[in-house]
PDB file of N, CA and C in Angstrom:
ATOM      1  N   MET A   1      48.937  58.792 -10.853  1.00  0.00           N
ATOM      2  CA  MET A   1      48.483  59.150 -12.185  1.00  0.00           C
ATOM      3  C   MET A   1      47.197  59.963 -12.112  1.00  0.00           C
ATOM      4  N   ALA A   2      46.284  59.559 -11.222  1.00  0.00           N
ATOM      5  CA  ALA A   2      45.012  60.261 -11.094  1.00  0.00           C
ATOM      6  C   ALA A   2      45.230  61.689 -10.597  1.00  0.00           C
ATOM      7  N   ASP A   3      46.183  61.873  -9.684  1.00  0.00           N
ATOM      8  CA  ASP A   3      46.463  63.220  -9.171  1.00  0.00           C
ATOM      9  C   ASP A   3      47.039  64.120 -10.263  1.00  0.00           C
ATOM     10  N   LEU A   4      47.897  63.563 -11.107  1.00  0.00           N
ATOM     11  CA  LEU A   4      48.476  64.353 -12.184  1.00  0.00           C
ATOM     12  C   LEU A   4      47.413  64.812 -13.178  1.00  0.00           C
ATOM     13  N   ARG A   5      46.455  63.946 -13.452  1.00  0.00           N
ATOM     14  CA  ARG A   5      45.384  64.259 -14.399  1.00  0.00           C
ATOM     15  C   ARG A   5      44.273  65.100 -13.783  1.00  0.00           C
ATOM     16  N   GLY A   6      44.209  65.144 -12.485  1.00  0.00           N
ATOM     17  CA  GLY A   6      43.174  65.921 -11.816  1.00  0.00           C
ATOM     18  C   GLY A   6      41.822  65.234 -11.826  1.00  0.00           C
ATOM     19  N   VAL A   7      41.835  63.895 -11.810  1.00  0.00           N
ATOM     20  CA  VAL A   7      40.584  63.124 -11.786  1.00  0.00           C
ATOM     21  C   VAL A   7      40.574  62.252 -10.544  1.00  0.00           C
ATOM     22  N   SER A   8      39.401  61.712 -10.245  1.00  0.00           N
ATOM     23  CA  SER A   8      39.313  60.834  -9.078  1.00  0.00           C
ATOM     24  C   SER A   8      39.967  59.495  -9.396  1.00  0.00           C
ATOM     25  N   ARG A   9      40.359  58.826  -8.348  1.00  0.00           N
ATOM     26  CA  ARG A   9      41.013  57.540  -8.501  1.00  0.00           C
ATOM     27  C   ARG A   9      40.070  56.502  -9.111  1.00  0.00           C
ATOM     28  N   SER A  10      38.830  56.485  -8.624  1.00  0.00           N
ATOM     29  CA  SER A  10      37.865  55.513  -9.141  1.00  0.00           C
ATOM     30  C   SER A  10      37.513  55.819 -10.597  1.00  0.00           C
ATOM     31  N   GLY A  11      37.460  57.114 -10.932  1.00  0.00           N
ATOM     32  CA  GLY A  11      37.184  57.487 -12.319  1.00  0.00           C
ATOM     33  C   GLY A  11      38.288  57.046 -13.251  1.00  0.00           C
ATOM     34  N   TYR A  12      39.531  57.160 -12.786  1.00  0.00           N
ATOM     35  CA  TYR A  12      40.658  56.719 -13.601  1.00  0.00           C
ATOM     36  C   TYR A  12      40.607  55.210 -13.836  1.00  0.00           C
ATOM     37  N   TYR A  13      40.343  54.455 -12.791  1.00  0.00           N
ATOM     38  CA  TYR A  13      40.305  53.003 -12.947  1.00  0.00           C
ATOM     39  C   TYR A  13      39.106  52.561 -13.792  1.00  0.00           C
ATOM     40  N   ALA A  14      38.010  53.275 -13.692  1.00  0.00           N
ATOM     41  CA  ALA A  14      36.861  52.948 -14.541  1.00  0.00           C
ATOM     42  C   ALA A  14      37.208  53.210 -16.003  1.00  0.00           C
ATOM     43  N   TRP A  15      37.896  54.321 -16.252  1.00  0.00           N
ATOM     44  CA  TRP A  15      38.313  54.623 -17.620  1.00  0.00           C
ATOM     45  C   TRP A  15      39.300  53.580 -18.135  1.00  0.00           C
ATOM     46  N   ALA A  16      40.261  53.183 -17.274  1.00  0.00           N
ATOM     47  CA  ALA A  16      41.261  52.201 -17.680  1.00  0.00           C
ATOM     48  C   ALA A  16      40.596  50.862 -17.999  1.00  0.00           C
ATOM     49  N   GLU A  17      39.561  50.497 -17.248  1.00  0.00           N
ATOM     50  CA  GLU A  17      38.832  49.252 -17.519  1.00  0.00           C
ATOM     51  C   GLU A  17      38.113  49.326 -18.856  1.00  0.00           C
ATOM     52  N   ARG A  18      37.478  50.458 -19.127  1.00  0.00           N
ATOM     53  CA  ARG A  18      36.775  50.630 -20.407  1.00  0.00           C
ATOM     54  C   ARG A  18      37.756  50.625 -21.565  1.00  0.00           C
ATOM     55  N   ALA A  19      38.897  51.281 -21.399  1.00  0.00           N
ATOM     56  CA  ALA A  19      39.900  51.335 -22.461  1.00  0.00           C
ATOM     57  C   ALA A  19      40.487  49.949 -22.711  1.00  0.00           C
ATOM     58  N   GLY A  20      40.708  49.176 -21.675  1.00  0.00           N
ATOM     59  CA  GLY A  20      41.255  47.828 -21.823  1.00  0.00           C
ATOM     60  C   GLY A  20      40.284  46.885 -22.499  1.00  0.00           C
ATOM     61  N   ARG A  21      38.983  47.100 -22.306  1.00  0.00           N
ATOM     62  CA  ARG A  21      37.964  46.257 -22.924  1.00  0.00           C
ATOM     63  C   ARG A  21      37.996  46.400 -24.435  1.00  0.00           C
ATOM     64  N   GLY A  22      38.285  47.610 -24.913  1.00  0.00           N
ATOM     65  CA  GLY A  22      38.358  47.841 -26.346  1.00  0.00           C
ATOM     66  C   GLY A  22      39.519  47.101 -26.988  1.00  0.00           C
ATOM     67  N   ASP A  23      40.603  46.918 -26.245  1.00  0.00           N
ATOM     68  CA  ASP A  23      41.763  46.201 -26.771  1.00  0.00           C
ATOM     69  C   ASP A  23      41.461  44.725 -26.956  1.00  0.00           C
ATOM     70  N   ARG A  24      40.587  44.178 -26.116  1.00  0.00           N
ATOM     71  CA  ARG A  24      40.256  42.758 -26.207  1.00  0.00           C
ATOM     72  C   ARG A  24      39.175  42.488 -27.253  1.00  0.00           C
ATOM     73  N   GLY A  25      38.651  43.532 -27.881  1.00  0.00           N
ATOM     74  CA  GLY A  25      37.630  43.344 -28.904  1.00  0.00           C
ATOM     75  C   GLY A  25      36.227  43.197 -28.345  1.00  0.00           C
ATOM     76  N   GLU A  26      36.057  43.410 -27.057  1.00  0.00           N
ATOM     77  CA  GLU A  26      34.732  43.298 -26.455  1.00  0.00           C
ATOM     78  C   GLU A  26      33.988  44.618 -26.616  1.00  0.00           C
ATOM     79  N   LEU A  27      32.690  44.515 -26.798  1.00  0.00           N
ATOM     80  CA  LEU A  27      31.859  45.710 -26.884  1.00  0.00           C
ATOM     81  C   LEU A  27      31.344  46.076 -25.503  1.00  0.00           C
ATOM     82  N   SER A  28      31.167  47.349 -25.283  1.00  0.00           N
ATOM     83  CA  SER A  28      30.550  47.785 -24.039  1.00  0.00           C
ATOM     84  C   SER A  28      29.079  47.367 -24.069  1.00  0.00           C
ATOM     85  N   PRO A  29      28.420  47.321 -22.937  1.00  0.00           N
ATOM     86  CA  PRO A  29      27.004  46.960 -22.937  1.00  0.00           C
ATOM     87  C   PRO A  29      26.165  47.878 -23.826  1.00  0.00           C
ATOM     88  N   ARG A  30      26.506  49.145 -23.838  1.00  0.00           N
ATOM     89  CA  ARG A  30      25.764  50.088 -24.684  1.00  0.00           C
ATOM     90  C   ARG A  30      25.960  49.778 -26.160  1.00  0.00           C
ATOM     91  N   ASP A  31      27.215  49.524 -26.555  1.00  0.00           N
ATOM     92  CA  ASP A  31      27.498  49.224 -27.955  1.00  0.00           C
ATOM     93  C   ASP A  31      26.892  47.900 -28.389  1.00  0.00           C
ATOM     94  N   SER A  32      26.903  46.907 -27.502  1.00  0.00           N
ATOM     95  CA  SER A  32      26.308  45.623 -27.869  1.00  0.00           C
ATOM     96  C   SER A  32      24.791  45.748 -27.996  1.00  0.00           C
ATOM     97  N   ARG A  33      24.161  46.577 -27.166  1.00  0.00           N
ATOM     98  CA  ARG A  33      22.712  46.817 -27.288  1.00  0.00           C
ATOM     99  C   ARG A  33      22.392  47.505 -28.605  1.00  0.00           C
ATOM    100  N   ARG A  34      23.208  48.492 -28.963  1.00  0.00           N
ATOM    101  CA  ARG A  34      22.982  49.186 -30.233  1.00  0.00           C
ATOM    102  C   ARG A  34      23.184  48.250 -31.423  1.00  0.00           C
ATOM    103  N   ALA A  35      24.187  47.395 -31.365  1.00  0.00           N
ATOM    104  CA  ALA A  35      24.412  46.444 -32.450  1.00  0.00           C
ATOM    105  C   ALA A  35      23.232  45.478 -32.569  1.00  0.00           C
ATOM    106  N   ASP A  36      22.699  45.057 -31.435  1.00  0.00           N
ATOM    107  CA  ASP A  36      21.527  44.184 -31.435  1.00  0.00           C
ATOM    108  C   ASP A  36      20.320  44.906 -32.031  1.00  0.00           C
ATOM    109  N   LEU A  37      20.136  46.174 -31.668  1.00  0.00           N
ATOM    110  CA  LEU A  37      19.023  46.949 -32.214  1.00  0.00           C
ATOM    111  C   LEU A  37      19.160  47.162 -33.716  1.00  0.00           C
ATOM    112  N   VAL A  38      20.374  47.374 -34.196  1.00  0.00           N
ATOM    113  CA  VAL A  38      20.583  47.564 -35.633  1.00  0.00           C
ATOM    114  C   VAL A  38      20.171  46.312 -36.394  1.00  0.00           C
ATOM    115  N   VAL A  39      20.512  45.145 -35.869  1.00  0.00           N
ATOM    116  CA  VAL A  39      20.119  43.895 -36.519  1.00  0.00           C
ATOM    117  C   VAL A  39      18.597  43.771 -36.546  1.00  0.00           C
ATOM    118  N   LYS A  40      17.946  44.080 -35.433  1.00  0.00           N
ATOM    119  CA  LYS A  40      16.486  43.996 -35.377  1.00  0.00           C
ATOM    120  C   LYS A  40      15.824  45.021 -36.290  1.00  0.00           C
ATOM    121  N   ILE A  41      16.414  46.204 -36.397  1.00  0.00           N
ATOM    122  CA  ILE A  41      15.875  47.232 -37.288  1.00  0.00           C
ATOM    123  C   ILE A  41      16.003  46.788 -38.740  1.00  0.00           C
ATOM    124  N   LYS A  42      17.144  46.198 -39.094  1.00  0.00           N
ATOM    125  CA  LYS A  42      17.329  45.719 -40.467  1.00  0.00           C
ATOM    126  C   LYS A  42      16.323  44.624 -40.805  1.00  0.00           C
ATOM    127  N   VAL A  43      16.062  43.733 -39.857  1.00  0.00           N
ATOM    128  CA  VAL A  43      15.076  42.668 -40.083  1.00  0.00           C
ATOM    129  C   VAL A  43      13.693  43.266 -40.285  1.00  0.00           C
ATOM    130  N   ALA A  44      13.307  44.230 -39.441  1.00  0.00           N
ATOM    131  CA  ALA A  44      11.994  44.865 -39.566  1.00  0.00           C
ATOM    132  C   ALA A  44      11.897  45.664 -40.856  1.00  0.00           C
ATOM    133  N   HIS A  45      12.969  46.309 -41.255  1.00  0.00           N
ATOM    134  CA  HIS A  45      12.975  47.098 -42.487  1.00  0.00           C
ATOM    135  C   HIS A  45      12.862  46.188 -43.703  1.00  0.00           C
ATOM    136  N   ASP A  46      13.571  45.073 -43.686  1.00  0.00           N
ATOM    137  CA  ASP A  46      13.488  44.123 -44.791  1.00  0.00           C
ATOM    138  C   ASP A  46      12.115  43.470 -44.860  1.00  0.00           C
ATOM    139  N   ALA A  47      11.499  43.236 -43.700  1.00  0.00           N
ATOM    140  CA  ALA A  47      10.162  42.636 -43.674  1.00  0.00           C
ATOM    141  C   ALA A  47       9.124  43.565 -44.295  1.00  0.00           C
ATOM    142  N   SER A  48       9.364  44.864 -44.227  1.00  0.00           N
ATOM    143  CA  SER A  48       8.432  45.827 -44.828  1.00  0.00           C
ATOM    144  C   SER A  48       8.811  46.144 -46.273  1.00  0.00           C
ATOM    145  N   LYS A  49       9.740  45.401 -46.832  1.00  0.00           N
ATOM    146  CA  LYS A  49      10.228  45.592 -48.200  1.00  0.00           C
ATOM    147  C   LYS A  49      10.861  46.968 -48.383  1.00  0.00           C
ATOM    148  N   GLY A  50      11.479  47.475 -47.318  1.00  0.00           N
ATOM    149  CA  GLY A  50      12.197  48.734 -47.392  1.00  0.00           C
ATOM    150  C   GLY A  50      11.323  49.965 -47.353  1.00  0.00           C
ATOM    151  N   VAL A  51      10.071  49.814 -46.942  1.00  0.00           N
ATOM    152  CA  VAL A  51       9.135  50.940 -46.961  1.00  0.00           C
ATOM    153  C   VAL A  51       9.113  51.687 -45.637  1.00  0.00           C
ATOM    154  N   ASN A  52       9.061  50.973 -44.522  1.00  0.00           N
ATOM    155  CA  ASN A  52       8.841  51.603 -43.219  1.00  0.00           C
ATOM    156  C   ASN A  52      10.021  52.445 -42.772  1.00  0.00           C
ATOM    157  N   GLY A  53       9.682  53.558 -42.136  1.00  0.00           N
ATOM    158  CA  GLY A  53      10.669  54.442 -41.540  1.00  0.00           C
ATOM    159  C   GLY A  53      10.748  54.199 -40.045  1.00  0.00           C
ATOM    160  N   ALA A  54      11.351  55.132 -39.346  1.00  0.00           N
ATOM    161  CA  ALA A  54      11.601  54.974 -37.916  1.00  0.00           C
ATOM    162  C   ALA A  54      10.328  54.830 -37.078  1.00  0.00           C
ATOM    163  N   PRO A  55       9.260  55.609 -37.312  1.00  0.00           N
ATOM    164  CA  PRO A  55       8.074  55.448 -36.456  1.00  0.00           C
ATOM    165  C   PRO A  55       7.434  54.062 -36.553  1.00  0.00           C
ATOM    166  N   ARG A  56       7.306  53.549 -37.754  1.00  0.00           N
ATOM    167  CA  ARG A  56       6.683  52.228 -37.913  1.00  0.00           C
ATOM    168  C   ARG A  56       7.610  51.107 -37.446  1.00  0.00           C
ATOM    169  N   ILE A  57       8.897  51.259 -37.682  1.00  0.00           N
ATOM    170  CA  ILE A  57       9.836  50.236 -37.205  1.00  0.00           C
ATOM    171  C   ILE A  57       9.848  50.227 -35.683  1.00  0.00           C
ATOM    172  N   THR A  58       9.768  51.394 -35.065  1.00  0.00           N
ATOM    173  CA  THR A  58       9.695  51.464 -33.604  1.00  0.00           C
ATOM    174  C   THR A  58       8.448  50.753 -33.103  1.00  0.00           C
ATOM    175  N   ARG A  59       7.322  50.972 -33.780  1.00  0.00           N
ATOM    176  CA  ARG A  59       6.078  50.298 -33.399  1.00  0.00           C
ATOM    177  C   ARG A  59       6.226  48.782 -33.526  1.00  0.00           C
ATOM    178  N   ASP A  60       6.867  48.320 -34.597  1.00  0.00           N
ATOM    179  CA  ASP A  60       7.075  46.882 -34.780  1.00  0.00           C
ATOM    180  C   ASP A  60       7.986  46.308 -33.694  1.00  0.00           C
ATOM    181  N   LEU A  61       9.044  47.038 -33.350  1.00  0.00           N
ATOM    182  CA  LEU A  61       9.957  46.560 -32.311  1.00  0.00           C
ATOM    183  C   LEU A  61       9.270  46.516 -30.953  1.00  0.00           C
ATOM    184  N   ARG A  62       8.455  47.513 -30.673  1.00  0.00           N
ATOM    185  CA  ARG A  62       7.729  47.528 -29.402  1.00  0.00           C
ATOM    186  C   ARG A  62       6.714  46.396 -29.334  1.00  0.00           C
ATOM    187  N   ALA A  63       6.156  46.019 -30.477  1.00  0.00           N
ATOM    188  CA  ALA A  63       5.203  44.903 -30.499  1.00  0.00           C
ATOM    189  C   ALA A  63       5.878  43.583 -30.147  1.00  0.00           C
ATOM    190  N   THR A  64       7.181  43.494 -30.414  1.00  0.00           N
ATOM    191  CA  THR A  64       7.921  42.282 -30.061  1.00  0.00           C
ATOM    192  C   THR A  64       8.486  42.339 -28.651  1.00  0.00           C
ATOM    193  N   GLY A  65       8.214  43.447 -27.933  1.00  0.00           N
ATOM    194  CA  GLY A  65       8.669  43.560 -26.552  1.00  0.00           C
ATOM    195  C   GLY A  65       9.947  44.346 -26.377  1.00  0.00           C
ATOM    196  N   GLU A  66      10.472  44.910 -27.440  1.00  0.00           N
ATOM    197  CA  GLU A  66      11.702  45.697 -27.376  1.00  0.00           C
ATOM    198  C   GLU A  66      11.376  47.103 -26.874  1.00  0.00           C
ATOM    199  N   VAL A  67      12.184  47.607 -25.961  1.00  0.00           N
ATOM    200  CA  VAL A  67      11.995  48.957 -25.443  1.00  0.00           C
ATOM    201  C   VAL A  67      12.960  49.873 -26.193  1.00  0.00           C
ATOM    202  N   VAL A  68      12.397  50.727 -27.055  1.00  0.00           N
ATOM    203  CA  VAL A  68      13.221  51.629 -27.864  1.00  0.00           C
ATOM    204  C   VAL A  68      12.391  52.865 -28.194  1.00  0.00           C
ATOM    205  N   SER A  69      13.057  54.005 -28.305  1.00  0.00           N
ATOM    206  CA  SER A  69      12.359  55.240 -28.662  1.00  0.00           C
ATOM    207  C   SER A  69      12.477  55.480 -30.165  1.00  0.00           C
ATOM    208  N   VAL A  70      11.605  56.336 -30.666  1.00  0.00           N
ATOM    209  CA  VAL A  70      11.619  56.662 -32.092  1.00  0.00           C
ATOM    210  C   VAL A  70      12.931  57.359 -32.453  1.00  0.00           C
ATOM    211  N   LYS A  71      13.408  58.220 -31.570  1.00  0.00           N
ATOM    212  CA  LYS A  71      14.648  58.946 -31.856  1.00  0.00           C
ATOM    213  C   LYS A  71      15.852  58.010 -31.912  1.00  0.00           C
ATOM    214  N   THR A  72      15.882  57.018 -31.043  1.00  0.00           N
ATOM    215  CA  THR A  72      16.988  56.052 -31.068  1.00  0.00           C
ATOM    216  C   THR A  72      16.952  55.245 -32.352  1.00  0.00           C
ATOM    217  N   ALA A  73      15.756  54.780 -32.729  1.00  0.00           N
ATOM    218  CA  ALA A  73      15.620  54.020 -33.975  1.00  0.00           C
ATOM    219  C   ALA A  73      16.007  54.881 -35.169  1.00  0.00           C
ATOM    220  N   ALA A  74      15.580  56.142 -35.175  1.00  0.00           N
ATOM    221  CA  ALA A  74      15.909  57.028 -36.291  1.00  0.00           C
ATOM    222  C   ALA A  74      17.416  57.268 -36.373  1.00  0.00           C
ATOM    223  N   LYS A  75      18.055  57.451 -35.228  1.00  0.00           N
ATOM    224  CA  LYS A  75      19.504  57.690 -35.228  1.00  0.00           C
ATOM    225  C   LYS A  75      20.266  56.463 -35.714  1.00  0.00           C
ATOM    226  N   LEU A  76      19.861  55.285 -35.250  1.00  0.00           N
ATOM    227  CA  LEU A  76      20.533  54.062 -35.699  1.00  0.00           C
ATOM    228  C   LEU A  76      20.298  53.824 -37.184  1.00  0.00           C
ATOM    229  N   MET A  77      19.090  54.131 -37.654  1.00  0.00           N
ATOM    230  CA  MET A  77      18.812  53.981 -39.082  1.00  0.00           C
ATOM    231  C   MET A  77      19.652  54.952 -39.898  1.00  0.00           C
ATOM    232  N   ARG A  78      19.755  56.187 -39.437  1.00  0.00           N
ATOM    233  CA  ARG A  78      20.538  57.199 -40.144  1.00  0.00           C
ATOM    234  C   ARG A  78      22.019  56.811 -40.167  1.00  0.00           C
ATOM    235  N   ASP A  79      22.542  56.339 -39.037  1.00  0.00           N
ATOM    236  CA  ASP A  79      23.955  55.964 -38.959  1.00  0.00           C
ATOM    237  C   ASP A  79      24.280  54.771 -39.849  1.00  0.00           C
ATOM    238  N   ASN A  80      23.303  53.894 -40.074  1.00  0.00           N
ATOM    239  CA  ASN A  80      23.535  52.699 -40.883  1.00  0.00           C
ATOM    240  C   ASN A  80      22.924  52.802 -42.277  1.00  0.00           C
ATOM    241  N   GLU A  81      22.543  54.016 -42.665  1.00  0.00           N
ATOM    242  CA  GLU A  81      22.007  54.314 -43.990  1.00  0.00           C
ATOM    243  C   GLU A  81      20.815  53.438 -44.347  1.00  0.00           C
ATOM    244  N   ILE A  82      19.904  53.295 -43.400  1.00  0.00           N
ATOM    245  CA  ILE A  82      18.650  52.585 -43.625  1.00  0.00           C
ATOM    246  C   ILE A  82      17.575  53.653 -43.751  1.00  0.00           C
ATOM    247  N   ARG A  83      16.900  53.672 -44.899  1.00  0.00           N
ATOM    248  CA  ARG A  83      15.907  54.709 -45.133  1.00  0.00           C
ATOM    249  C   ARG A  83      14.576  54.097 -45.543  1.00  0.00           C
ATOM    250  N   GLY A  84      13.516  54.693 -45.040  1.00  0.00           N
ATOM    251  CA  GLY A  84      12.190  54.313 -45.482  1.00  0.00           C
ATOM    252  C   GLY A  84      11.826  55.106 -46.727  1.00  0.00           C
ATOM    253  N   ILE A  85      10.753  54.693 -47.375  1.00  0.00           N
ATOM    254  CA  ILE A  85      10.305  55.382 -48.577  1.00  0.00           C
ATOM    255  C   ILE A  85       9.224  56.368 -48.173  1.00  0.00           C
ATOM    256  N   SER A  86       9.440  57.637 -48.481  1.00  0.00           N
ATOM    257  CA  SER A  86       8.438  58.654 -48.197  1.00  0.00           C
ATOM    258  C   SER A  86       7.530  58.796 -49.418  1.00  0.00           C
ATOM    259  N   PRO A  87       6.220  58.742 -49.201  1.00  0.00           N
ATOM    260  CA  PRO A  87       5.335  58.883 -50.358  1.00  0.00           C
ATOM    261  C   PRO A  87       5.376  60.300 -50.905  1.00  0.00           C
ATOM    262  N   ARG A  88       5.263  60.409 -52.196  1.00  0.00           N
ATOM    263  CA  ARG A  88       5.243  61.729 -52.811  1.00  0.00           C
ATOM    264  C   ARG A  88       3.888  62.362 -52.566  1.00  0.00           C
ATOM    265  N   PRO A  89       3.851  63.669 -52.385  1.00  0.00           N
ATOM    266  CA  PRO A  89       2.553  64.320 -52.169  1.00  0.00           C
ATOM    267  C   PRO A  89       1.704  64.272 -53.432  1.00  0.00           C
ATOM    268  N   TRP A  90       0.398  64.163 -53.260  1.00  0.00           N
ATOM    269  CA  TRP A  90      -0.501  64.121 -54.394  1.00  0.00           C
ATOM    270  C   TRP A  90      -0.673  65.520 -54.960  1.00  0.00           C
ATOM    271  N   ARG A  91      -0.587  65.634 -56.258  1.00  0.00           N
ATOM    272  CA  ARG A  91      -0.804  66.909 -56.929  1.00  0.00           C
ATOM    273  C   ARG A  91      -1.805  66.669 -58.056  1.00  0.00           C
ATOM    274  N   PRO A  92      -2.747  67.572 -58.220  1.00  0.00           N
ATOM    275  CA  PRO A  92      -3.715  67.380 -59.301  1.00  0.00           C
ATOM    276  C   PRO A  92      -3.053  67.565 -60.664  1.00  0.00           C
ATOM    277  N   VAL A  93      -3.592  66.901 -61.658  1.00  0.00           N
ATOM    278  CA  VAL A  93      -3.082  67.017 -63.018  1.00  0.00           C
ATOM    279  C   VAL A  93      -3.631  68.311 -63.602  1.00  0.00           C
ATOM    280  N   THR A  94      -2.749  69.192 -64.008  1.00  0.00           N
ATOM    281  CA  THR A  94      -3.193  70.492 -64.508  1.00  0.00           C
ATOM    282  C   THR A  94      -2.835  70.695 -65.971  1.00  0.00           C
ATOM    283  N   THR A  95      -2.285  69.708 -66.618  1.00  0.00           N
ATOM    284  CA  THR A  95      -1.922  69.859 -68.021  1.00  0.00           C
ATOM    285  C   THR A  95      -2.942  69.175 -68.906  1.00  0.00           C
ATOM    286  N   ILE A  96      -3.088  69.668 -70.097  1.00  0.00           N
ATOM    287  CA  ILE A  96      -3.979  69.058 -71.084  1.00  0.00           C
ATOM    288  C   ILE A  96      -3.138  68.077 -71.887  1.00  0.00           C
ATOM    289  N   VAL A  97      -3.574  66.844 -71.912  1.00  0.00           N
ATOM    290  CA  VAL A  97      -2.777  65.806 -72.554  1.00  0.00           C
ATOM    291  C   VAL A  97      -2.835  65.940 -74.066  1.00  0.00           C
ATOM    292  N   ASP A  98      -4.026  66.136 -74.633  1.00  0.00           N
ATOM    293  CA  ASP A  98      -4.181  66.226 -76.080  1.00  0.00           C
ATOM    294  C   ASP A  98      -4.121  67.697 -76.490  1.00  0.00           C
ATOM    295  N   HIS A  99      -3.019  68.117 -77.083  1.00  0.00           N
ATOM    296  CA  HIS A  99      -2.824  69.526 -77.411  1.00  0.00           C
ATOM    297  C   HIS A  99      -3.675  69.970 -78.603  1.00  0.00           C
ATOM    298  N   HIS A 100      -4.094  69.053 -79.444  1.00  0.00           N
ATOM    299  CA  HIS A 100      -4.841  69.412 -80.641  1.00  0.00           C
ATOM    300  C   HIS A 100      -6.347  69.495 -80.394  1.00  0.00           C
ATOM    301  N   SER A 101      -6.816  69.078 -79.265  1.00  0.00           N
ATOM    302  CA  SER A 101      -8.252  69.079 -79.023  1.00  0.00           C
ATOM    303  C   SER A 101      -8.793  70.470 -78.730  1.00  0.00           C
ATOM    304  N   HIS A 102      -7.966  71.386 -78.257  1.00  0.00           N
ATOM    305  CA  HIS A 102      -8.433  72.721 -77.907  1.00  0.00           C
ATOM    306  C   HIS A 102      -7.629  73.798 -78.639  1.00  0.00           C
ATOM    307  N   THR A 103      -7.355  73.609 -79.892  1.00  0.00           N
ATOM    308  CA  THR A 103      -6.577  74.605 -80.608  1.00  0.00           C
ATOM    309  C   THR A 103      -7.455  75.797 -80.952  1.00  0.00           C
ATOM    310  N   ILE A 104      -6.910  76.965 -80.815  1.00  0.00           N
ATOM    311  CA  ILE A 104      -7.632  78.208 -81.114  1.00  0.00           C
ATOM    312  C   ILE A 104      -7.191  78.642 -82.514  1.00  0.00           C
ATOM    313  N   PRO A 105      -8.136  78.957 -83.359  1.00  0.00           N
ATOM    314  CA  PRO A 105      -7.760  79.358 -84.736  1.00  0.00           C
ATOM    315  C   PRO A 105      -6.957  80.653 -84.740  1.00  0.00           C
ATOM    316  N   ASP A 106      -5.979  80.732 -85.647  1.00  0.00           N
ATOM    317  CA  ASP A 106      -5.127  81.907 -85.775  1.00  0.00           C
ATOM    318  C   ASP A 106      -5.799  82.879 -86.740  1.00  0.00           C
ATOM    319  N   LEU A 107      -6.562  83.818 -86.241  1.00  0.00           N
ATOM    320  CA  LEU A 107      -7.323  84.745 -87.066  1.00  0.00           C
ATOM    321  C   LEU A 107      -6.422  85.788 -87.725  1.00  0.00           C
ATOM    322  N   VAL A 108      -5.318  86.170 -87.093  1.00  0.00           N
ATOM    323  CA  VAL A 108      -4.413  87.166 -87.680  1.00  0.00           C
ATOM    324  C   VAL A 108      -3.750  86.600 -88.931  1.00  0.00           C
ATOM    325  N   GLN A 109      -3.265  85.389 -88.892  1.00  0.00           N
ATOM    326  CA  GLN A 109      -2.630  84.776 -90.050  1.00  0.00           C
ATOM    327  C   GLN A 109      -3.640  84.611 -91.179  1.00  0.00           C
ATOM    328  N   ASN A 110      -4.893  84.280 -90.851  1.00  0.00           N
ATOM    329  CA  ASN A 110      -5.911  84.091 -91.869  1.00  0.00           C
ATOM    330  C   ASN A 110      -6.233  85.419 -92.567  1.00  0.00           C
ATOM    331  N   VAL A 111      -6.213  86.553 -91.860  1.00  0.00           N
ATOM    332  CA  VAL A 111      -6.496  87.855 -92.464  1.00  0.00           C
ATOM    333  C   VAL A 111      -5.368  88.291 -93.368  1.00  0.00           C
ATOM    334  N   LEU A 112      -4.091  88.074 -92.940  1.00  0.00           N
ATOM    335  CA  LEU A 112      -2.936  88.486 -93.751  1.00  0.00           C
ATOM    336  C   LEU A 112      -2.804  87.624 -94.993  1.00  0.00           C
ATOM    337  N   ALA A 113      -3.150  86.359 -94.895  1.00  0.00           N
ATOM    338  CA  ALA A 113      -2.992  85.463 -96.033  1.00  0.00           C
ATOM    339  C   ALA A 113      -4.110  85.658 -97.065  1.00  0.00           C
ATOM    340  N   GLY A 114      -5.260  86.102 -96.636  1.00  0.00           N
ATOM    341  CA  GLY A 114      -6.390  86.104 -97.551  1.00  0.00           C
ATOM    342  C   GLY A 114      -6.761  87.372 -98.115  1.00  0.00           C
TER     343      GLY A 114
END
């Protein structure tokens, strides 16, 4: 079979082992690590009341001894629709609230009427 496919014998058997593991419902070590990280990310996100994003969640996970990068945390958060709240940028108030305080008299109407 390996010769027909043009792959090495050991590569074929490694693939067959991985494919058979999926049939038994077992997760690969990589998938089980990611599932564990998703649970930890959800706990950290809930602890921050849904505010923290990937950089702060990564910092929290590292404080507990977890080895994870910001990009991995961001990807897992994106894949599981976990979002932090981004603060809106501050903008100065440029409108006048009381419109009647600075009214300019209409001199043209006063000349035509009088």
